[in-house]
């Protein structure tokens, strides 16, 4: 059995019809799971597009947007990791199913973090002391550098640490809005996010990342001393 499906349209070559007239797209549990995964991927992309547009139109506040967006990104990463053999290219999937979702593509495929984190627009919480943000940032800098020294340089090992580092720097309100160490860490996170989870940084990238982390850490500490 073979068939071609499109958004809002299914054209089975040999589709099976149940007793009540419904067209059944699958003949086995494996095929059923595959189509359910397609449906879940489609729904996540569409929901992310709507969320992004709501945020742009100021129809949702930054806190609620960030929580919802982070959840969708996590769901997308888990789902796609399980179906890369059947959907190796999500942008082609979106084109095949005529999905007009450019904002979702940017958020899910190229950024991997909510816009509030990427552009540092999250509403601050005045109850969070500056010292906590500084302590967390120092901790995450050290953790990132130690991980590289221990050869823990796969995407799924280093990306979460870099994201924690970005978020902790955002808690230090005295830092300038455009802070070079944050921009460097963000650039690395964006670059690595687009790689498979098991992708290992080559030796030259590990060396360069270590160099930039050490330089950024020293810049961060130097900036604090000037305050």
Protein backbone atom coordinates (compact mmCIF):
# COMPACT_ATOMS: atom_id res chain seq x y z
CA UNK A 1 0.00 0.00 0.00
CA UNK A 2 1.27 3.46 -0.88
CA UNK A 3 -0.30 6.90 -0.74
CA UNK A 4 0.42 10.60 -0.78
CA UNK A 5 -0.88 12.92 1.92
CA UNK A 6 -1.09 16.69 1.93
CA UNK A 7 -2.49 19.15 4.42
CA UNK A 8 -6.27 18.90 4.26
CA UNK A 9 -6.07 16.24 1.52
CA UNK A 10 -5.23 12.56 1.34
CA UNK A 11 -4.86 10.74 -1.97
CA UNK A 12 -4.45 7.04 -1.19
CA UNK A 13 -3.41 4.72 -3.96
CA UNK A 14 -4.91 1.79 -2.17
CA UNK A 15 -6.66 3.28 0.87
CA UNK A 16 -8.86 1.08 3.00
CA UNK A 17 -12.41 2.15 3.82
CA UNK A 18 -14.00 1.18 7.10
CA UNK A 19 -17.61 0.16 7.48
CA UNK A 20 -18.74 3.70 8.32
CA UNK A 21 -17.12 5.17 5.21
CA UNK A 22 -14.00 6.65 6.87
CA UNK A 23 -10.72 6.34 4.97
CA UNK A 24 -8.08 4.54 7.00
CA UNK A 25 -4.50 5.65 6.24
CA UNK A 26 -2.70 2.70 7.79
CA UNK A 27 -2.73 -1.08 7.84
CA UNK A 28 -0.49 -1.67 10.87
CA UNK A 29 0.37 -0.23 14.27
CA UNK A 30 3.69 0.97 12.87
CA UNK A 31 1.99 2.95 10.12
CA UNK A 32 -0.52 4.32 12.63
CA UNK A 33 2.29 5.55 14.89
CA UNK A 34 4.01 7.16 11.92
CA UNK A 35 0.93 9.13 10.92
CA UNK A 36 0.26 10.15 14.49
CA UNK A 37 3.84 11.50 14.61
CA UNK A 38 3.22 13.43 11.40
CA UNK A 39 0.07 14.91 12.94
CA UNK A 40 1.90 15.85 16.14
CA UNK A 41 4.73 17.51 14.18
CA UNK A 42 2.23 19.43 12.07
CA UNK A 43 0.37 20.60 15.19
CA UNK A 44 3.54 21.73 17.00
CA UNK A 45 4.68 23.78 13.99
CA UNK A 46 1.26 25.42 13.54
CA UNK A 47 0.93 26.16 17.26
CA UNK A 48 4.40 27.70 17.37
CA UNK A 49 3.55 29.95 14.41
CA UNK A 50 0.39 31.17 16.14
CA UNK A 51 2.29 31.75 19.39
CA UNK A 52 5.01 33.75 17.64
CA UNK A 53 2.45 35.94 15.89
CA UNK A 54 0.57 36.48 19.15
CA UNK A 55 3.80 37.64 20.80
CA UNK A 56 4.62 40.00 17.93
CA UNK A 57 1.12 41.51 18.18
CA UNK A 58 1.50 41.88 21.96
CA UNK A 59 -1.46 39.54 22.48
CA UNK A 60 0.48 37.55 25.09
CA UNK A 61 2.85 38.79 27.81
CA UNK A 62 6.54 37.89 27.75
CA UNK A 63 6.39 35.50 30.71
CA UNK A 64 3.54 33.39 29.35
CA UNK A 65 5.04 33.44 25.87
CA UNK A 66 8.43 32.22 27.10
CA UNK A 67 6.93 29.37 29.10
CA UNK A 68 4.74 28.19 26.21
CA UNK A 69 7.48 28.61 23.61
CA UNK A 70 10.02 26.71 25.70
CA UNK A 71 7.56 23.84 26.06
CA UNK A 72 6.89 23.71 22.31
CA UNK A 73 10.63 23.76 21.50
CA UNK A 74 11.18 20.88 23.92
CA UNK A 75 8.30 18.88 22.42
CA UNK A 76 9.61 19.52 18.92
CA UNK A 77 13.14 18.37 19.78
CA UNK A 78 11.92 15.15 21.41
CA UNK A 79 9.49 14.35 18.57
CA UNK A 80 11.85 15.12 15.70
CA UNK A 81 14.66 13.11 17.29
CA UNK A 82 12.37 10.07 17.07
CA UNK A 83 11.41 10.56 13.43
CA UNK A 84 14.50 11.92 11.64
CA UNK A 85 14.66 8.77 9.52
CA UNK A 86 11.25 9.54 8.01
CA UNK A 87 11.44 13.36 8.18
CA UNK A 88 15.12 14.25 7.74
CA UNK A 89 14.23 17.76 6.54
CA UNK A 90 11.48 19.59 8.43
CA UNK A 91 11.47 22.51 6.00
CA UNK A 92 10.68 20.06 3.18
CA UNK A 93 7.93 18.56 5.36
CA UNK A 94 6.49 22.05 5.76
CA UNK A 95 6.68 22.65 2.02
CA UNK A 96 5.11 19.28 1.16
CA UNK A 97 2.19 19.99 3.44
CA UNK A 98 1.87 23.61 2.27
CA UNK A 99 2.56 25.04 5.72
CA UNK A 100 3.12 28.79 5.68
CA UNK A 101 4.93 29.02 9.02
CA UNK A 102 8.12 31.09 8.62
CA UNK A 103 8.19 32.23 12.26
CA UNK A 104 7.86 28.67 13.52
CA UNK A 105 10.67 27.55 11.22
CA UNK A 106 12.95 30.25 12.63
CA UNK A 107 12.10 29.43 16.24
CA UNK A 108 12.15 25.63 16.03
CA UNK A 109 14.85 24.98 13.43
CA UNK A 110 17.29 27.86 13.60
CA UNK A 111 17.03 29.50 17.02
CA UNK A 112 15.97 26.86 19.51
CA UNK A 113 15.18 29.39 22.24
CA UNK A 114 12.25 31.77 22.86
CA UNK A 115 12.48 35.24 21.34
CA UNK A 116 12.50 36.74 24.83
CA UNK A 117 15.76 34.95 25.60
CA UNK A 118 17.26 35.49 22.16
CA UNK A 119 16.63 39.24 22.24
CA UNK A 120 16.78 39.69 26.00
CA UNK A 121 13.28 41.10 26.35
CA UNK A 122 11.96 38.96 29.19
CA UNK A 123 10.26 41.00 31.88
CA UNK A 124 12.55 41.14 34.88
CA UNK A 125 11.57 40.10 38.35
CA UNK A 126 12.71 42.72 40.84
CA UNK A 127 12.68 40.15 43.63
CA UNK A 128 15.62 38.31 42.05
CA UNK A 129 18.84 39.62 43.62
CA UNK A 130 21.69 40.57 41.33
CA UNK A 131 24.06 38.42 43.36
CA UNK A 132 22.14 35.27 42.44
CA UNK A 133 22.51 35.99 38.74
CA UNK A 134 26.23 36.66 39.15
CA UNK A 135 26.76 33.44 41.11
CA UNK A 136 24.83 31.36 38.57
CA UNK A 137 26.73 32.92 35.66
CA UNK A 138 30.09 32.14 37.25
CA UNK A 139 28.92 28.57 37.92
CA UNK A 140 27.74 28.00 34.35
CA UNK A 141 30.92 29.48 32.84
CA UNK A 142 33.00 27.09 34.93
CA UNK A 143 30.70 24.14 34.16
CA UNK A 144 30.93 24.81 30.42
CA UNK A 145 34.72 25.03 30.46
CA UNK A 146 35.09 21.96 32.68
CA UNK A 147 32.81 19.97 30.35
CA UNK A 148 35.03 20.75 27.38
CA UNK A 149 38.13 19.81 29.36
CA UNK A 150 36.49 16.44 30.09
CA UNK A 151 35.74 15.98 26.37
CA UNK A 152 31.98 16.30 26.91
CA UNK A 153 31.50 18.10 23.62
CA UNK A 154 28.39 16.56 22.05
CA UNK A 155 25.52 18.89 21.19
CA UNK A 156 23.18 17.39 23.78
CA UNK A 157 25.89 17.80 26.43
CA UNK A 158 27.05 21.36 25.78
CA UNK A 159 23.88 23.10 24.47
CA UNK A 160 21.92 22.90 27.77
CA UNK A 161 24.90 24.40 29.62
CA UNK A 162 25.21 27.27 27.13
CA UNK A 163 21.48 27.99 27.44
CA UNK A 164 21.76 28.04 31.24
CA UNK A 165 24.67 30.45 30.85
CA UNK A 166 22.63 32.77 28.63
CA UNK A 167 19.70 32.74 31.05
CA UNK A 168 21.92 33.43 34.06
CA UNK A 169 23.56 36.43 32.37
CA UNK A 170 20.08 37.81 31.70
CA UNK A 171 19.50 37.92 35.46
CA UNK A 172 22.42 40.31 35.94
CA UNK A 173 20.55 43.52 35.29
CA UNK A 174 23.60 45.74 35.47
CA UNK A 175 25.10 44.22 32.32
CA UNK A 176 24.67 46.28 29.14
CA UNK A 177 21.88 45.28 26.78
CA UNK A 178 24.42 44.38 24.10
CA UNK A 179 27.01 42.40 26.03
CA UNK A 180 29.72 40.73 23.87
CA UNK A 181 30.14 37.60 26.07
CA UNK A 182 26.42 36.91 25.86
CA UNK A 183 26.42 37.45 22.11
CA UNK A 184 29.31 35.00 21.68
CA UNK A 185 27.62 32.32 23.78
CA UNK A 186 24.36 32.90 21.90
CA UNK A 187 26.17 32.50 18.54
CA UNK A 188 27.63 29.17 19.64
CA UNK A 189 24.28 27.94 20.96
CA UNK A 190 22.51 28.85 17.72
CA UNK A 191 25.22 27.15 15.66
CA UNK A 192 25.16 23.95 17.70
CA UNK A 193 21.38 23.78 18.08
CA UNK A 194 21.07 23.12 14.35
CA UNK A 195 23.30 20.03 14.60
CA UNK A 196 22.10 16.51 15.57
CA UNK A 197 22.09 15.79 19.30
CA UNK A 198 24.95 13.29 18.98
CA UNK A 199 27.14 15.62 16.90
CA UNK A 200 30.59 15.91 18.46
CA UNK A 201 32.46 19.19 18.12
CA UNK A 202 35.70 18.67 16.22
CA UNK A 203 38.90 19.44 18.09
CA UNK A 204 39.37 22.85 16.47
CA UNK A 205 35.82 23.91 17.46
CA UNK A 206 36.34 22.69 21.02
CA UNK A 207 39.54 24.70 21.21
CA UNK A 208 37.89 27.81 19.78
CA UNK A 209 34.86 27.52 22.06
CA UNK A 210 37.11 27.08 25.08
CA UNK A 211 39.10 30.16 24.09
CA UNK A 212 35.95 32.26 23.68
CA UNK A 213 34.45 31.02 26.94
CA UNK A 214 37.61 31.90 28.86
CA UNK A 215 37.77 35.33 27.23
CA UNK A 216 34.06 35.93 27.90
CA UNK A 217 34.42 34.82 31.50
CA UNK A 218 37.28 37.26 32.06
CA UNK A 219 35.28 40.04 30.40
CA UNK A 220 32.30 39.24 32.62
CA UNK A 221 34.40 39.40 35.78
CA UNK A 222 36.12 42.60 34.59
CA UNK A 223 32.75 44.23 33.95
CA UNK A 224 31.60 43.38 37.47
CA UNK A 225 34.74 44.87 39.00
CA UNK A 226 34.01 48.20 37.30
CA UNK A 227 30.59 48.44 38.89
